[in-house]
């Protein structure tokens, strides 16, 4: 083989390998960024849900201190938030957010 052909093939192979590495690097970076964005969005959704739960639990708690809660209908929103938390959370979070019916 002629030396110029070997040199041209080596340059072509180097360019091809460099291009493939750049492509792979870009793909991996975008995949990592997308994963992090999904995780950040999920955390933000959960924080908003937990915030709503805390607000509603506080409201119901204050109502219970100020007066007797007559019906479970007054706790409907709190129970609905609790059920939404059950869909998205681990067992530890569920145990911490356990909403029980008041005993009579």
C-alpha atoms as a PDB file:
ATOM      1  CA  UNK A   1       0.000   0.000   0.000  1.00  0.00           C
ATOM      2  CA  UNK A   2       1.085   3.473  -0.765  1.00  0.00           C
ATOM      3  CA  UNK A   3       2.027   5.659   2.230  1.00  0.00           C
ATOM      4  CA  UNK A   4      -0.404   8.387   1.141  1.00  0.00           C
ATOM      5  CA  UNK A   5      -3.317   5.896   1.210  1.00  0.00           C
ATOM      6  CA  UNK A   6      -2.362   4.748   4.700  1.00  0.00           C
ATOM      7  CA  UNK A   7      -2.157   8.355   5.865  1.00  0.00           C
ATOM      8  CA  UNK A   8      -5.540   9.193   4.331  1.00  0.00           C
ATOM      9  CA  UNK A   9      -7.181   6.116   5.900  1.00  0.00           C
ATOM     10  CA  UNK A  10      -5.662   6.944   9.285  1.00  0.00           C
ATOM     11  CA  UNK A  11      -6.990  10.516   9.055  1.00  0.00           C
ATOM     12  CA  UNK A  12     -10.425   9.255   7.982  1.00  0.00           C
ATOM     13  CA  UNK A  13     -10.523   6.700  10.821  1.00  0.00           C
ATOM     14  CA  UNK A  14      -9.453   9.351  13.324  1.00  0.00           C
ATOM     15  CA  UNK A  15     -12.151  11.725  12.134  1.00  0.00           C
ATOM     16  CA  UNK A  16     -14.775   8.971  12.257  1.00  0.00           C
ATOM     17  CA  UNK A  17     -13.764   7.908  15.773  1.00  0.00           C
ATOM     18  CA  UNK A  18     -13.670  11.526  16.960  1.00  0.00           C
ATOM     19  CA  UNK A  19     -17.123  12.166  15.510  1.00  0.00           C
ATOM     20  CA  UNK A  20     -18.575   9.050  17.112  1.00  0.00           C
ATOM     21  CA  UNK A  21     -17.089   9.954  20.485  1.00  0.00           C
ATOM     22  CA  UNK A  22     -18.545  13.465  20.229  1.00  0.00           C
ATOM     23  CA  UNK A  23     -21.939  12.034  19.284  1.00  0.00           C
ATOM     24  CA  UNK A  24     -21.871   9.551  22.173  1.00  0.00           C
ATOM     25  CA  UNK A  25     -20.769  12.231  24.612  1.00  0.00           C
ATOM     26  CA  UNK A  26     -23.553  14.586  23.528  1.00  0.00           C
ATOM     27  CA  UNK A  27     -26.160  11.801  23.744  1.00  0.00           C
ATOM     28  CA  UNK A  28     -25.033  10.784  27.239  1.00  0.00           C
ATOM     29  CA  UNK A  29     -24.986  14.403  28.431  1.00  0.00           C
ATOM     30  CA  UNK A  30     -28.517  15.064  27.168  1.00  0.00           C
ATOM     31  CA  UNK A  31     -29.771  11.815  28.661  1.00  0.00           C
ATOM     32  CA  UNK A  32     -28.236  12.717  32.032  1.00  0.00           C
ATOM     33  CA  UNK A  33     -29.735  16.225  31.878  1.00  0.00           C
ATOM     34  CA  UNK A  34     -33.181  14.859  31.016  1.00  0.00           C
ATOM     35  CA  UNK A  35     -33.009  12.436  33.937  1.00  0.00           C
ATOM     36  CA  UNK A  36     -32.027  15.230  36.312  1.00  0.00           C
ATOM     37  CA  UNK A  37     -34.815  17.481  34.994  1.00  0.00           C
ATOM     38  CA  UNK A  38     -37.402  14.724  35.490  1.00  0.00           C
ATOM     39  CA  UNK A  39     -36.146  14.145  39.032  1.00  0.00           C
ATOM     40  CA  UNK A  40     -36.215  17.876  39.806  1.00  0.00           C
ATOM     41  CA  UNK A  41     -39.774  18.164  38.435  1.00  0.00           C
ATOM     42  CA  UNK A  42     -40.893  15.183  40.506  1.00  0.00           C
ATOM     43  CA  UNK A  43     -39.354  16.685  43.640  1.00  0.00           C
ATOM     44  CA  UNK A  44     -41.073  20.015  42.956  1.00  0.00           C
ATOM     45  CA  UNK A  45     -44.449  18.268  42.493  1.00  0.00           C
ATOM     46  CA  UNK A  46     -44.016  16.344  45.724  1.00  0.00           C
ATOM     47  CA  UNK A  47     -42.969  19.461  47.638  1.00  0.00           C
ATOM     48  CA  UNK A  48     -46.097  21.262  46.403  1.00  0.00           C
ATOM     49  CA  UNK A  49     -48.269  18.281  47.369  1.00  0.00           C
ATOM     50  CA  UNK A  50     -46.691  18.044  50.832  1.00  0.00           C
ATOM     51  CA  UNK A  51     -47.141  21.801  51.263  1.00  0.00           C
ATOM     52  CA  UNK A  52     -50.842  21.519  50.420  1.00  0.00           C
ATOM     53  CA  UNK A  53     -51.150  18.641  52.880  1.00  0.00           C
ATOM     54  CA  UNK A  54     -49.470  20.600  55.663  1.00  0.00           C
ATOM     55  CA  UNK A  55     -51.681  23.638  55.006  1.00  0.00           C
ATOM     56  CA  UNK A  56     -54.872  21.586  55.024  1.00  0.00           C
ATOM     57  CA  UNK A  57     -53.814  19.550  58.075  1.00  0.00           C
ATOM     58  CA  UNK A  58     -53.095  22.789  59.926  1.00  0.00           C
ATOM     59  CA  UNK A  59     -56.492  24.214  58.957  1.00  0.00           C
ATOM     60  CA  UNK A  60     -58.328  21.059  60.066  1.00  0.00           C
ATOM     61  CA  UNK A  61     -56.275  20.906  63.257  1.00  0.00           C
ATOM     62  CA  UNK A  62     -57.111  24.484  64.169  1.00  0.00           C
ATOM     63  CA  UNK A  63     -60.784  23.848  63.395  1.00  0.00           C
ATOM     64  CA  UNK A  64     -60.669  20.822  65.699  1.00  0.00           C
ATOM     65  CA  UNK A  65     -59.162  22.912  68.495  1.00  0.00           C
ATOM     66  CA  UNK A  66     -61.659  25.752  68.068  1.00  0.00           C
ATOM     67  CA  UNK A  67     -64.734  23.559  67.724  1.00  0.00           C
ATOM     68  CA  UNK A  68     -65.743  19.935  67.409  1.00  0.00           C
ATOM     69  CA  UNK A  69     -65.577  18.534  63.910  1.00  0.00           C
ATOM     70  CA  UNK A  70     -69.056  17.162  63.276  1.00  0.00           C
ATOM     71  CA  UNK A  71     -68.646  15.297  60.007  1.00  0.00           C
ATOM     72  CA  UNK A  72     -65.915  13.661  57.992  1.00  0.00           C
ATOM     73  CA  UNK A  73     -66.925  15.925  55.110  1.00  0.00           C
ATOM     74  CA  UNK A  74     -64.845  18.653  56.731  1.00  0.00           C
ATOM     75  CA  UNK A  75     -61.783  16.437  56.358  1.00  0.00           C
ATOM     76  CA  UNK A  76     -62.433  15.513  52.720  1.00  0.00           C
ATOM     77  CA  UNK A  77     -59.670  17.687  51.247  1.00  0.00           C
ATOM     78  CA  UNK A  78     -57.166  16.437  53.821  1.00  0.00           C
ATOM     79  CA  UNK A  79     -58.036  12.825  53.069  1.00  0.00           C
ATOM     80  CA  UNK A  80     -57.849  13.486  49.314  1.00  0.00           C
ATOM     81  CA  UNK A  81     -54.355  14.971  49.720  1.00  0.00           C
ATOM     82  CA  UNK A  82     -53.368  12.005  51.856  1.00  0.00           C
ATOM     83  CA  UNK A  83     -54.484   9.655  49.094  1.00  0.00           C
ATOM     84  CA  UNK A  84     -52.510  11.633  46.500  1.00  0.00           C
ATOM     85  CA  UNK A  85     -49.448  11.298  48.739  1.00  0.00           C
ATOM     86  CA  UNK A  86     -50.042   7.527  48.859  1.00  0.00           C
ATOM     87  CA  UNK A  87     -49.756   7.405  45.074  1.00  0.00           C
ATOM     88  CA  UNK A  88     -46.409   9.193  44.915  1.00  0.00           C
ATOM     89  CA  UNK A  89     -44.543   8.458  48.131  1.00  0.00           C
ATOM     90  CA  UNK A  90     -42.520   5.834  49.934  1.00  0.00           C
ATOM     91  CA  UNK A  91     -43.727   3.863  52.960  1.00  0.00           C
ATOM     92  CA  UNK A  92     -41.760   6.132  55.324  1.00  0.00           C
ATOM     93  CA  UNK A  93     -43.479   9.246  54.009  1.00  0.00           C
ATOM     94  CA  UNK A  94     -46.858   7.526  54.213  1.00  0.00           C
ATOM     95  CA  UNK A  95     -46.237   6.609  57.843  1.00  0.00           C
ATOM     96  CA  UNK A  96     -45.341  10.225  58.646  1.00  0.00           C
ATOM     97  CA  UNK A  97     -48.472  11.551  56.889  1.00  0.00           C
ATOM     98  CA  UNK A  98     -50.884   8.972  58.293  1.00  0.00           C
ATOM     99  CA  UNK A  99     -54.313  10.542  58.655  1.00  0.00           C
ATOM    100  CA  UNK A 100     -56.637   8.695  60.962  1.00  0.00           C
ATOM    101  CA  UNK A 101     -60.279   9.272  61.696  1.00  0.00           C
ATOM    102  CA  UNK A 102     -60.926  10.958  65.009  1.00  0.00           C
ATOM    103  CA  UNK A 103     -62.028   8.559  67.715  1.00  0.00           C
ATOM    104  CA  UNK A 104     -65.375   9.248  69.363  1.00  0.00           C
END
